[in-house]
Structures are given as C-alpha cells and as structure tokens.
Amino acid sequence: QVQLVESGGGLVQPGGSLRLSCVASGYIFRLYTMGWYRQAPGKQRELVATITSDGNTSYVDSVKGQFAISRDNAKNMVYLQMNNLKPEDTAVYYCNADRTWYSPNLNFWGQGTQVTVSS
C-alpha cells in the first residue's frame, strides 16, 4: 500500500532552519507531483510547495525565497528546506503525492510532522 512518512520537524528558534524529508513507498514515485502542505492551529491546510515529476517547482508567495522543495527519484524522497523560519511558519507539515490528473483517486498523504518556531 502507499505510504508517505515525514520526518525532520521539531522546535527551532526564529531565524533557524529545518529540512523536512518524506519517504514514499507503494507506488511509482517518479510519476507523481509531490507537495508539502501545512496546517496551523485553527487554520485550513494550505499548499506550501510542489515539485512535478520533471522537477518544476512552485511555491506559495509567503515562502518564496525562504523554502526550497526538491526530490530524489532514485531514493523516493522529497525534501523541504526551510530557512529563516518565523513563528508564523509553525504548523503541522504534510507530504502529498498527487496524480489526480490521471485518476481522481491517486492522491496520498503522510501523517504530518510538527514544526514549531519559537524562542
């Protein structure tokens, strides 16, 4: 079965950095657009960044120049490098695999990893 497992979250001071990782299994990783979403307390889940199967990236405006998404198809891994973190970046971060353009049920989520930015 499909599994997405995130890691790398934690507590960091403002201005610090974290690198989130997501390892995928159970499907053909390289065919999917991979994304990172986040959900802060009391807010809706929002898209942070995506990377297509051929490496094209996109970001929500609030993290442009601050976060970087990358993938390693040989390792079935997707990463989110987060720099200059701010308290408003505090959220649970979720890994997502999407191929709904091919079939509507091809969308999968990880369990999430908590990122807390606080002094």
N, C-alpha and C. Protein backbone atom coordinates (compact mmCIF):
# COMPACT_ATOMS: atom_id res chain seq x y z
N GLN A 1 0.84 -1.18 0.00
CA GLN A 1 0.00 0.00 0.00
C GLN A 1 0.89 1.25 0.00
N VAL A 2 0.27 2.35 -0.38
CA VAL A 2 1.00 3.61 -0.45
C VAL A 2 1.29 4.12 0.95
N GLN A 3 2.54 4.54 1.15
CA GLN A 3 2.92 5.15 2.41
C GLN A 3 3.79 6.36 2.15
N LEU A 4 3.50 7.43 2.87
CA LEU A 4 4.33 8.62 2.88
C LEU A 4 4.68 8.88 4.34
N VAL A 5 5.97 8.97 4.63
CA VAL A 5 6.40 9.15 6.01
C VAL A 5 7.31 10.37 6.09
N GLU A 6 6.84 11.38 6.84
CA GLU A 6 7.61 12.60 7.00
C GLU A 6 8.51 12.50 8.22
N SER A 7 9.57 13.28 8.17
CA SER A 7 10.47 13.42 9.31
C SER A 7 11.18 14.75 9.21
N GLY A 8 11.84 15.13 10.31
CA GLY A 8 12.64 16.34 10.31
C GLY A 8 12.03 17.53 11.01
N GLY A 9 10.80 17.40 11.47
CA GLY A 9 10.20 18.50 12.20
C GLY A 9 10.80 18.65 13.59
N GLY A 10 10.39 19.71 14.26
CA GLY A 10 10.89 19.94 15.60
C GLY A 10 10.72 21.38 16.02
N LEU A 11 11.40 21.72 17.11
CA LEU A 11 11.37 23.07 17.65
C LEU A 11 12.62 23.82 17.20
N VAL A 12 12.41 25.00 16.67
CA VAL A 12 13.54 25.80 16.19
C VAL A 12 13.28 27.26 16.55
N GLN A 13 14.35 27.98 16.79
CA GLN A 13 14.23 29.40 17.09
C GLN A 13 13.97 30.21 15.82
N PRO A 14 13.34 31.36 15.96
CA PRO A 14 13.17 32.23 14.79
C PRO A 14 14.50 32.51 14.11
N GLY A 15 14.48 32.46 12.78
CA GLY A 15 15.71 32.63 12.03
C GLY A 15 16.45 31.34 11.74
N GLY A 16 16.03 30.28 12.37
CA GLY A 16 16.68 28.99 12.18
C GLY A 16 16.21 28.27 10.94
N SER A 17 16.75 27.07 10.74
CA SER A 17 16.45 26.27 9.55
C SER A 17 16.07 24.86 9.96
N LEU A 18 15.26 24.25 9.12
CA LEU A 18 14.94 22.84 9.24
C LEU A 18 14.84 22.26 7.84
N ARG A 19 15.11 20.97 7.75
CA ARG A 19 14.93 20.25 6.49
C ARG A 19 13.96 19.11 6.73
N LEU A 20 12.82 19.18 6.11
CA LEU A 20 11.85 18.10 6.21
C LEU A 20 12.12 17.07 5.11
N SER A 21 11.89 15.82 5.44
CA SER A 21 12.04 14.74 4.48
C SER A 21 10.76 13.92 4.43
N CYS A 22 10.51 13.34 3.28
CA CYS A 22 9.36 12.45 3.12
C CYS A 22 9.80 11.28 2.25
N VAL A 23 9.64 10.09 2.78
CA VAL A 23 9.98 8.90 2.01
C VAL A 23 8.68 8.22 1.58
N ALA A 24 8.65 7.83 0.32
CA ALA A 24 7.44 7.26 -0.26
C ALA A 24 7.65 5.80 -0.62
N SER A 25 6.59 5.04 -0.53
CA SER A 25 6.64 3.64 -0.94
C SER A 25 5.26 3.21 -1.41
N GLY A 26 5.25 2.13 -2.19
CA GLY A 26 3.98 1.54 -2.60
C GLY A 26 3.41 2.06 -3.90
N TYR A 27 4.14 2.93 -4.59
CA TYR A 27 3.68 3.44 -5.88
C TYR A 27 4.89 3.92 -6.67
N ILE A 28 4.63 4.29 -7.92
CA ILE A 28 5.73 4.72 -8.79
C ILE A 28 6.00 6.19 -8.53
N PHE A 29 6.91 6.45 -7.62
CA PHE A 29 7.18 7.80 -7.11
C PHE A 29 7.42 8.81 -8.22
N ARG A 30 8.21 8.43 -9.20
CA ARG A 30 8.67 9.41 -10.18
C ARG A 30 7.54 9.95 -11.05
N LEU A 31 6.40 9.28 -11.05
CA LEU A 31 5.29 9.71 -11.90
C LEU A 31 4.40 10.77 -11.23
N TYR A 32 4.63 11.03 -9.96
CA TYR A 32 3.73 11.88 -9.20
C TYR A 32 4.31 13.26 -8.96
N THR A 33 3.44 14.25 -8.95
CA THR A 33 3.78 15.55 -8.39
C THR A 33 3.78 15.41 -6.87
N MET A 34 4.85 15.88 -6.26
CA MET A 34 4.97 15.83 -4.82
C MET A 34 4.80 17.23 -4.24
N GLY A 35 4.18 17.28 -3.09
CA GLY A 35 3.94 18.58 -2.49
C GLY A 35 4.09 18.56 -0.98
N TRP A 36 4.30 19.73 -0.44
CA TRP A 36 4.26 19.94 1.01
C TRP A 36 3.12 20.91 1.31
N TYR A 37 2.32 20.54 2.27
CA TYR A 37 1.24 21.37 2.78
C TYR A 37 1.49 21.61 4.26
N ARG A 38 0.81 22.60 4.80
CA ARG A 38 0.89 22.82 6.24
C ARG A 38 -0.45 23.26 6.79
N GLN A 39 -0.64 22.96 8.05
CA GLN A 39 -1.87 23.35 8.73
C GLN A 39 -1.53 23.86 10.12
N ALA A 40 -1.79 25.15 10.30
CA ALA A 40 -1.59 25.77 11.60
C ALA A 40 -2.85 25.62 12.44
N PRO A 41 -2.71 25.70 13.76
CA PRO A 41 -3.89 25.56 14.63
C PRO A 41 -4.99 26.54 14.26
N GLY A 42 -6.18 26.03 14.09
CA GLY A 42 -7.33 26.87 13.79
C GLY A 42 -7.41 27.35 12.36
N LYS A 43 -6.51 26.87 11.50
CA LYS A 43 -6.50 27.32 10.11
C LYS A 43 -6.66 26.13 9.17
N GLN A 44 -7.01 26.46 7.95
CA GLN A 44 -7.14 25.42 6.93
C GLN A 44 -5.76 24.97 6.45
N ARG A 45 -5.71 23.76 5.96
CA ARG A 45 -4.47 23.27 5.38
C ARG A 45 -4.18 24.06 4.11
N GLU A 46 -2.92 24.46 3.95
CA GLU A 46 -2.55 25.25 2.78
C GLU A 46 -1.37 24.61 2.06
N LEU A 47 -1.38 24.79 0.74
CA LEU A 47 -0.27 24.32 -0.07
C LEU A 47 0.94 25.22 0.14
N VAL A 48 2.08 24.60 0.36
CA VAL A 48 3.33 25.36 0.55
C VAL A 48 4.18 25.32 -0.71
N ALA A 49 4.40 24.12 -1.23
CA ALA A 49 5.29 23.98 -2.39
C ALA A 49 4.98 22.67 -3.09
N THR A 50 5.23 22.67 -4.41
CA THR A 50 5.09 21.44 -5.19
C THR A 50 6.29 21.28 -6.11
N ILE A 51 6.52 20.04 -6.49
CA ILE A 51 7.55 19.74 -7.48
C ILE A 51 7.00 18.64 -8.39
N THR A 52 7.04 18.90 -9.68
CA THR A 52 6.48 17.95 -10.62
C THR A 52 7.45 16.79 -10.88
N SER A 53 6.98 15.84 -11.65
CA SER A 53 7.80 14.68 -11.94
C SER A 53 9.07 15.05 -12.70
N ASP A 54 9.03 16.14 -13.45
CA ASP A 54 10.23 16.56 -14.18
C ASP A 54 10.95 17.71 -13.50
N GLY A 55 10.60 17.99 -12.23
CA GLY A 55 11.39 18.91 -11.42
C GLY A 55 10.95 20.35 -11.41
N ASN A 56 9.84 20.68 -12.01
CA ASN A 56 9.35 22.05 -11.93
C ASN A 56 8.76 22.33 -10.56
N THR A 57 9.12 23.47 -10.00
CA THR A 57 8.70 23.80 -8.65
C THR A 57 7.78 25.01 -8.62
N SER A 58 6.95 25.05 -7.60
CA SER A 58 6.12 26.23 -7.36
C SER A 58 5.95 26.40 -5.86
N TYR A 59 5.72 27.65 -5.44
CA TYR A 59 5.64 27.97 -4.02
C TYR A 59 4.50 28.95 -3.76
N VAL A 60 3.94 28.85 -2.57
CA VAL A 60 3.03 29.89 -2.13
C VAL A 60 3.85 31.15 -1.92
N ASP A 61 3.26 32.30 -2.18
CA ASP A 61 4.01 33.56 -2.15
C ASP A 61 4.72 33.78 -0.80
N SER A 62 4.10 33.35 0.27
CA SER A 62 4.63 33.65 1.60
C SER A 62 5.96 32.95 1.90
N VAL A 63 6.33 31.92 1.12
CA VAL A 63 7.58 31.20 1.39
C VAL A 63 8.58 31.31 0.25
N LYS A 64 8.27 32.04 -0.78
CA LYS A 64 9.20 32.20 -1.90
C LYS A 64 10.49 32.84 -1.41
N GLY A 65 11.59 32.23 -1.78
CA GLY A 65 12.89 32.71 -1.35
C GLY A 65 13.30 32.24 0.03
N GLN A 66 12.38 31.57 0.72
CA GLN A 66 12.64 31.11 2.07
C GLN A 66 12.71 29.58 2.13
N PHE A 67 11.83 28.93 1.40
CA PHE A 67 11.76 27.48 1.37
C PHE A 67 12.20 26.97 0.00
N ALA A 68 12.69 25.73 -0.03
CA ALA A 68 13.06 25.09 -1.29
C ALA A 68 12.65 23.63 -1.26
N ILE A 69 11.90 23.23 -2.26
CA ILE A 69 11.47 21.83 -2.38
C ILE A 69 12.38 21.14 -3.40
N SER A 70 12.69 19.89 -3.12
CA SER A 70 13.50 19.09 -4.04
C SER A 70 13.07 17.63 -3.92
N ARG A 71 13.51 16.85 -4.89
CA ARG A 71 13.16 15.43 -4.86
C ARG A 71 14.33 14.61 -5.37
N ASP A 72 14.37 13.37 -4.92
CA ASP A 72 15.36 12.40 -5.37
C ASP A 72 14.57 11.15 -5.80
N ASN A 73 14.36 11.02 -7.10
CA ASN A 73 13.54 9.92 -7.59
C ASN A 73 14.20 8.55 -7.35
N ALA A 74 15.51 8.53 -7.29
CA ALA A 74 16.20 7.26 -7.05
C ALA A 74 15.96 6.75 -5.63
N LYS A 75 15.71 7.68 -4.71
CA LYS A 75 15.51 7.31 -3.31
C LYS A 75 14.05 7.41 -2.88
N ASN A 76 13.17 7.80 -3.79
CA ASN A 76 11.76 8.01 -3.45
C ASN A 76 11.59 9.01 -2.31
N MET A 77 12.35 10.08 -2.40
CA MET A 77 12.36 11.08 -1.33
C MET A 77 11.99 12.46 -1.88
N VAL A 78 11.30 13.23 -1.06
CA VAL A 78 11.07 14.64 -1.33
C VAL A 78 11.45 15.41 -0.08
N TYR A 79 12.00 16.60 -0.29
CA TYR A 79 12.53 17.39 0.82
C TYR A 79 11.94 18.80 0.79
N LEU A 80 11.94 19.41 1.96
CA LEU A 80 11.59 20.82 2.05
C LEU A 80 12.63 21.48 2.95
N GLN A 81 13.48 22.27 2.34
CA GLN A 81 14.46 23.05 3.09
C GLN A 81 13.82 24.36 3.50
N MET A 82 13.77 24.61 4.79
CA MET A 82 13.11 25.80 5.32
C MET A 82 14.14 26.65 6.03
N ASN A 83 14.34 27.86 5.54
CA ASN A 83 15.32 28.78 6.11
C ASN A 83 14.63 30.01 6.69
N ASN A 84 15.37 30.70 7.55
CA ASN A 84 14.86 31.93 8.14
C ASN A 84 13.43 31.75 8.68
N LEU A 85 13.26 30.72 9.45
CA LEU A 85 11.92 30.39 9.92
C LEU A 85 11.36 31.45 10.85
N LYS A 86 10.05 31.62 10.75
CA LYS A 86 9.33 32.63 11.52
C LYS A 86 8.25 31.95 12.35
N PRO A 87 7.81 32.58 13.42
CA PRO A 87 6.76 31.97 14.23
C PRO A 87 5.52 31.60 13.42
N GLU A 88 5.22 32.37 12.40
CA GLU A 88 4.04 32.07 11.57
C GLU A 88 4.21 30.85 10.69
N ASP A 89 5.42 30.28 10.65
CA ASP A 89 5.65 29.02 9.93
C ASP A 89 5.29 27.81 10.80
N THR A 90 4.96 28.06 12.04
CA THR A 90 4.56 26.97 12.94
C THR A 90 3.31 26.28 12.41
N ALA A 91 3.40 24.98 12.24
CA ALA A 91 2.29 24.20 11.68
C ALA A 91 2.68 22.73 11.66
N VAL A 92 1.70 21.91 11.37
CA VAL A 92 1.98 20.53 11.01
C VAL A 92 2.18 20.51 9.50
N TYR A 93 3.29 19.93 9.07
CA TYR A 93 3.63 19.89 7.66
C TYR A 93 3.35 18.47 7.12
N TYR A 94 2.66 18.44 6.00
CA TYR A 94 2.24 17.17 5.40
C TYR A 94 2.85 17.00 4.02
N CYS A 95 3.27 15.80 3.75
CA CYS A 95 3.75 15.40 2.42
C CYS A 95 2.56 14.89 1.62
N ASN A 96 2.54 15.22 0.34
CA ASN A 96 1.44 14.81 -0.53
C ASN A 96 1.97 14.30 -1.86
N ALA A 97 1.33 13.26 -2.35
CA ALA A 97 1.64 12.73 -3.68
C ALA A 97 0.37 12.82 -4.52
N ASP A 98 0.50 13.40 -5.68
CA ASP A 98 -0.68 13.69 -6.49
C ASP A 98 -0.49 13.26 -7.94
N ARG A 99 -1.50 12.55 -8.43
CA ARG A 99 -1.55 12.22 -9.85
C ARG A 99 -3.03 12.21 -10.27
N THR A 100 -3.78 13.14 -9.69
CA THR A 100 -5.22 13.17 -9.94
C THR A 100 -5.56 13.56 -11.37
N TRP A 101 -4.56 14.13 -12.07
CA TRP A 101 -4.81 14.42 -13.49
C TRP A 101 -5.00 13.13 -14.28
N TYR A 102 -4.43 12.03 -13.73
CA TYR A 102 -4.53 10.73 -14.38
C TYR A 102 -5.72 9.93 -13.85
N SER A 103 -5.91 9.98 -12.55
CA SER A 103 -7.03 9.27 -11.93
C SER A 103 -7.39 9.98 -10.64
N PRO A 104 -8.65 10.25 -10.40
CA PRO A 104 -9.04 11.08 -9.25
C PRO A 104 -8.70 10.48 -7.90
N ASN A 105 -8.46 9.21 -7.80
CA ASN A 105 -8.15 8.61 -6.50
C ASN A 105 -6.65 8.54 -6.23
N LEU A 106 -5.84 9.05 -7.13
CA LEU A 106 -4.39 8.98 -6.96
C LEU A 106 -3.90 10.24 -6.23
N ASN A 107 -4.24 10.31 -4.96
CA ASN A 107 -3.79 11.41 -4.12
C ASN A 107 -3.58 10.86 -2.71
N PHE A 108 -2.37 11.03 -2.19
CA PHE A 108 -2.00 10.39 -0.94
C PHE A 108 -1.34 11.38 0.00
N TRP A 109 -1.50 11.11 1.31
CA TRP A 109 -0.98 12.00 2.34
C TRP A 109 -0.13 11.23 3.36
N GLY A 110 0.85 11.94 3.89
CA GLY A 110 1.56 11.43 5.04
C GLY A 110 0.84 11.81 6.32
N GLN A 111 1.42 11.41 7.44
CA GLN A 111 0.78 11.64 8.74
C GLN A 111 1.11 13.00 9.32
N GLY A 112 2.09 13.67 8.76
CA GLY A 112 2.44 15.01 9.21
C GLY A 112 3.60 15.02 10.19
N THR A 113 4.31 16.15 10.20
CA THR A 113 5.39 16.37 11.16
C THR A 113 5.27 17.79 11.68
N GLN A 114 5.40 17.93 12.99
CA GLN A 114 5.19 19.23 13.63
C GLN A 114 6.43 20.09 13.52
N VAL A 115 6.22 21.33 13.10
CA VAL A 115 7.28 22.34 13.09
C VAL A 115 6.83 23.47 14.00
N THR A 116 7.64 23.77 14.99
CA THR A 116 7.33 24.85 15.92
C THR A 116 8.49 25.84 15.92
N VAL A 117 8.16 27.08 15.61
CA VAL A 117 9.17 28.14 15.58
C VAL A 117 8.89 29.07 16.76
N SER A 118 9.78 29.04 17.71
CA SER A 118 9.55 29.80 18.94
C SER A 118 10.88 30.03 19.65
N SER A 119 10.97 31.16 20.32
CA SER A 119 12.15 31.43 21.14
C SER A 119 11.91 31.00 22.58
